[in-house]
């Protein structure tokens, strides 16, 4: 949905990007790459189809993907 702007389940174009809220320590489906509380939070951005409810999760930056690979790869 992020790239096509079309829901792969129902074909709708009613797609909404739900960003991370950096002011909240526990918003979204964050990935933490440190054992320190709230340190190195990588936001997972959600794309939601407003017709059928299908959701995709994306890590949107190369830097964040590289950090995940260094930590978990």
N, C-alpha and C. Protein backbone atom coordinates (compact mmCIF):
# COMPACT_ATOMS: atom_id res chain seq x y z
N UNK A 1 0.83 -1.19 0.00
CA UNK A 1 0.00 0.00 0.00
C UNK A 1 0.87 1.25 0.00
N UNK A 2 2.01 1.17 0.69
CA UNK A 2 2.90 2.34 0.75
C UNK A 2 3.31 2.77 -0.65
N UNK A 3 3.68 1.81 -1.48
CA UNK A 3 4.21 2.13 -2.81
C UNK A 3 3.13 2.27 -3.87
N UNK A 4 2.09 1.46 -3.78
CA UNK A 4 1.06 1.45 -4.83
C UNK A 4 -0.12 2.37 -4.53
N UNK A 5 -0.29 2.72 -3.25
CA UNK A 5 -1.43 3.51 -2.79
C UNK A 5 -2.76 2.82 -3.07
N UNK A 6 -2.71 1.48 -3.17
CA UNK A 6 -3.90 0.66 -3.39
C UNK A 6 -3.85 -0.51 -2.42
N UNK A 7 -4.97 -0.82 -1.80
CA UNK A 7 -5.05 -1.95 -0.87
C UNK A 7 -4.94 -3.26 -1.65
N UNK A 8 -4.01 -4.15 -1.26
CA UNK A 8 -3.87 -5.42 -1.96
C UNK A 8 -5.01 -6.41 -1.68
N UNK A 9 -5.80 -6.15 -0.65
CA UNK A 9 -6.90 -7.05 -0.30
C UNK A 9 -8.20 -6.70 -1.00
N UNK A 10 -8.54 -5.39 -1.03
CA UNK A 10 -9.85 -5.02 -1.58
C UNK A 10 -9.77 -4.07 -2.77
N UNK A 11 -8.58 -3.56 -3.08
CA UNK A 11 -8.42 -2.67 -4.23
C UNK A 11 -8.76 -1.21 -3.96
N UNK A 12 -9.08 -0.88 -2.73
CA UNK A 12 -9.45 0.49 -2.39
C UNK A 12 -8.24 1.43 -2.49
N UNK A 13 -8.54 2.68 -2.77
CA UNK A 13 -7.50 3.71 -2.76
C UNK A 13 -7.64 4.61 -1.54
N UNK A 14 -8.46 4.19 -0.60
CA UNK A 14 -8.66 4.96 0.63
C UNK A 14 -7.64 4.48 1.67
N UNK A 15 -6.40 4.93 1.50
CA UNK A 15 -5.27 4.49 2.33
C UNK A 15 -4.81 5.67 3.18
N UNK A 16 -4.56 5.40 4.45
CA UNK A 16 -4.09 6.42 5.38
C UNK A 16 -2.76 5.98 5.98
N UNK A 17 -1.80 6.89 6.01
CA UNK A 17 -0.50 6.65 6.66
C UNK A 17 -0.62 7.11 8.10
N UNK A 18 -0.34 6.21 9.04
CA UNK A 18 -0.40 6.53 10.47
C UNK A 18 1.04 6.63 10.96
N UNK A 19 1.52 7.85 11.20
CA UNK A 19 2.91 8.04 11.61
C UNK A 19 3.14 7.71 13.08
N UNK A 20 4.40 7.53 13.41
CA UNK A 20 4.79 7.40 14.81
C UNK A 20 4.57 8.75 15.49
N UNK A 21 4.25 8.72 16.75
CA UNK A 21 4.13 9.95 17.54
C UNK A 21 5.39 10.05 18.41
N UNK A 22 6.37 10.86 18.01
CA UNK A 22 7.63 10.91 18.75
C UNK A 22 7.48 11.45 20.18
N UNK A 23 6.37 12.06 20.51
CA UNK A 23 6.15 12.58 21.85
C UNK A 23 5.67 11.52 22.84
N UNK A 24 5.33 10.35 22.32
CA UNK A 24 4.89 9.26 23.20
C UNK A 24 5.95 8.17 23.17
N UNK A 25 6.31 7.67 24.31
CA UNK A 25 7.37 6.67 24.36
C UNK A 25 6.91 5.30 23.89
N UNK A 26 5.63 5.04 23.84
CA UNK A 26 5.17 3.70 23.48
C UNK A 26 4.15 3.71 22.35
N UNK A 27 4.23 4.69 21.46
CA UNK A 27 3.25 4.73 20.38
C UNK A 27 3.67 3.81 19.25
N UNK A 28 2.72 3.22 18.60
CA UNK A 28 3.00 2.40 17.43
C UNK A 28 3.66 1.08 17.76
N UNK A 29 4.16 0.45 16.72
CA UNK A 29 4.85 -0.83 16.84
C UNK A 29 6.34 -0.57 16.73
N UNK A 30 6.91 0.12 17.67
CA UNK A 30 8.31 0.50 17.60
C UNK A 30 9.22 -0.71 17.76
N UNK A 31 10.41 -0.60 17.19
CA UNK A 31 11.46 -1.59 17.35
C UNK A 31 12.57 -0.93 18.16
N UNK A 32 12.94 -1.55 19.26
CA UNK A 32 13.98 -0.99 20.11
C UNK A 32 15.28 -1.75 19.88
N UNK A 33 16.35 -1.02 19.58
CA UNK A 33 17.63 -1.64 19.29
C UNK A 33 18.63 -1.43 20.43
N UNK A 34 18.12 -1.16 21.62
CA UNK A 34 18.96 -0.97 22.80
C UNK A 34 18.23 -1.55 24.00
N UNK A 35 18.98 -2.01 24.96
CA UNK A 35 18.36 -2.51 26.19
C UNK A 35 18.02 -1.37 27.14
N UNK A 36 18.50 -0.17 26.86
CA UNK A 36 18.17 0.98 27.67
C UNK A 36 16.73 1.41 27.38
N UNK A 37 15.98 1.70 28.40
CA UNK A 37 14.59 2.09 28.24
C UNK A 37 14.47 3.31 27.33
N UNK A 38 13.66 3.20 26.31
CA UNK A 38 13.32 4.26 25.37
C UNK A 38 14.48 4.74 24.50
N UNK A 39 15.59 4.07 24.53
CA UNK A 39 16.73 4.47 23.70
C UNK A 39 16.67 3.76 22.36
N UNK A 40 17.09 4.42 21.33
CA UNK A 40 17.18 3.85 19.99
C UNK A 40 15.86 3.25 19.53
N UNK A 41 14.84 4.06 19.51
CA UNK A 41 13.51 3.63 19.08
C UNK A 41 13.41 3.82 17.57
N UNK A 42 13.08 2.76 16.85
CA UNK A 42 12.85 2.86 15.41
C UNK A 42 11.35 2.78 15.17
N UNK A 43 10.78 3.82 14.58
CA UNK A 43 9.34 3.81 14.37
C UNK A 43 8.94 2.86 13.24
N UNK A 44 7.84 2.18 13.45
CA UNK A 44 7.22 1.36 12.40
C UNK A 44 5.96 2.10 11.98
N UNK A 45 5.94 2.54 10.73
CA UNK A 45 4.83 3.34 10.22
C UNK A 45 3.75 2.40 9.69
N UNK A 46 2.51 2.72 10.00
CA UNK A 46 1.39 1.88 9.56
C UNK A 46 0.63 2.54 8.42
N UNK A 47 0.23 1.71 7.47
CA UNK A 47 -0.65 2.12 6.37
C UNK A 47 -1.92 1.32 6.53
N UNK A 48 -3.06 2.02 6.59
CA UNK A 48 -4.34 1.38 6.88
C UNK A 48 -5.31 1.62 5.74
N UNK A 49 -5.97 0.55 5.28
CA UNK A 49 -7.06 0.68 4.31
C UNK A 49 -8.31 1.05 5.09
N UNK A 50 -8.89 2.18 4.74
CA UNK A 50 -10.08 2.66 5.46
C UNK A 50 -11.37 2.02 4.97
N UNK A 51 -11.28 1.10 4.00
CA UNK A 51 -12.46 0.36 3.57
C UNK A 51 -12.54 -1.02 4.19
N UNK A 52 -11.44 -1.78 4.17
CA UNK A 52 -11.51 -3.15 4.70
C UNK A 52 -10.74 -3.35 5.99
N UNK A 53 -9.87 -2.39 6.37
CA UNK A 53 -9.14 -2.49 7.62
C UNK A 53 -7.79 -3.17 7.52
N UNK A 54 -7.39 -3.56 6.33
CA UNK A 54 -6.07 -4.19 6.15
C UNK A 54 -4.98 -3.20 6.56
N UNK A 55 -3.91 -3.71 7.22
CA UNK A 55 -2.83 -2.85 7.70
C UNK A 55 -1.48 -3.41 7.25
N UNK A 56 -0.60 -2.52 6.79
CA UNK A 56 0.79 -2.87 6.50
C UNK A 56 1.68 -2.05 7.41
N UNK A 57 2.78 -2.65 7.84
CA UNK A 57 3.77 -1.97 8.69
C UNK A 57 5.05 -1.80 7.89
N UNK A 58 5.66 -0.60 7.99
CA UNK A 58 6.88 -0.30 7.24
C UNK A 58 7.90 0.42 8.11
N UNK A 59 9.16 0.04 7.96
CA UNK A 59 10.28 0.83 8.45
C UNK A 59 10.71 1.63 7.24
N UNK A 60 10.65 2.95 7.33
CA UNK A 60 10.73 3.76 6.12
C UNK A 60 12.11 4.30 5.75
N UNK A 61 13.10 4.21 6.62
CA UNK A 61 14.39 4.79 6.25
C UNK A 61 15.49 3.74 6.16
N UNK A 62 16.43 3.98 5.29
CA UNK A 62 17.57 3.08 5.12
C UNK A 62 18.39 3.02 6.40
N UNK A 63 18.56 4.19 7.07
CA UNK A 63 19.32 4.25 8.32
C UNK A 63 18.69 3.33 9.38
N UNK A 64 17.38 3.37 9.49
CA UNK A 64 16.68 2.52 10.46
C UNK A 64 16.82 1.05 10.11
N UNK A 65 16.72 0.72 8.83
CA UNK A 65 16.89 -0.67 8.39
C UNK A 65 18.30 -1.16 8.68
N UNK A 66 19.30 -0.31 8.46
CA UNK A 66 20.68 -0.68 8.75
C UNK A 66 20.89 -0.92 10.24
N UNK A 67 20.27 -0.09 11.08
CA UNK A 67 20.37 -0.26 12.53
C UNK A 67 19.74 -1.58 12.97
N UNK A 68 18.60 -1.93 12.40
CA UNK A 68 17.94 -3.21 12.71
C UNK A 68 18.84 -4.38 12.31
N UNK A 69 19.44 -4.28 11.14
CA UNK A 69 20.33 -5.35 10.67
C UNK A 69 21.54 -5.50 11.58
N UNK A 70 22.13 -4.36 12.01
CA UNK A 70 23.28 -4.41 12.92
C UNK A 70 22.89 -5.05 14.25
N UNK A 71 21.70 -4.73 14.73
CA UNK A 71 21.29 -5.22 16.04
C UNK A 71 20.81 -6.67 16.02
N UNK A 72 20.02 -7.02 15.02
CA UNK A 72 19.36 -8.34 15.03
C UNK A 72 19.88 -9.29 13.95
N UNK A 73 20.60 -8.74 12.96
CA UNK A 73 21.04 -9.55 11.82
C UNK A 73 22.21 -10.41 12.13
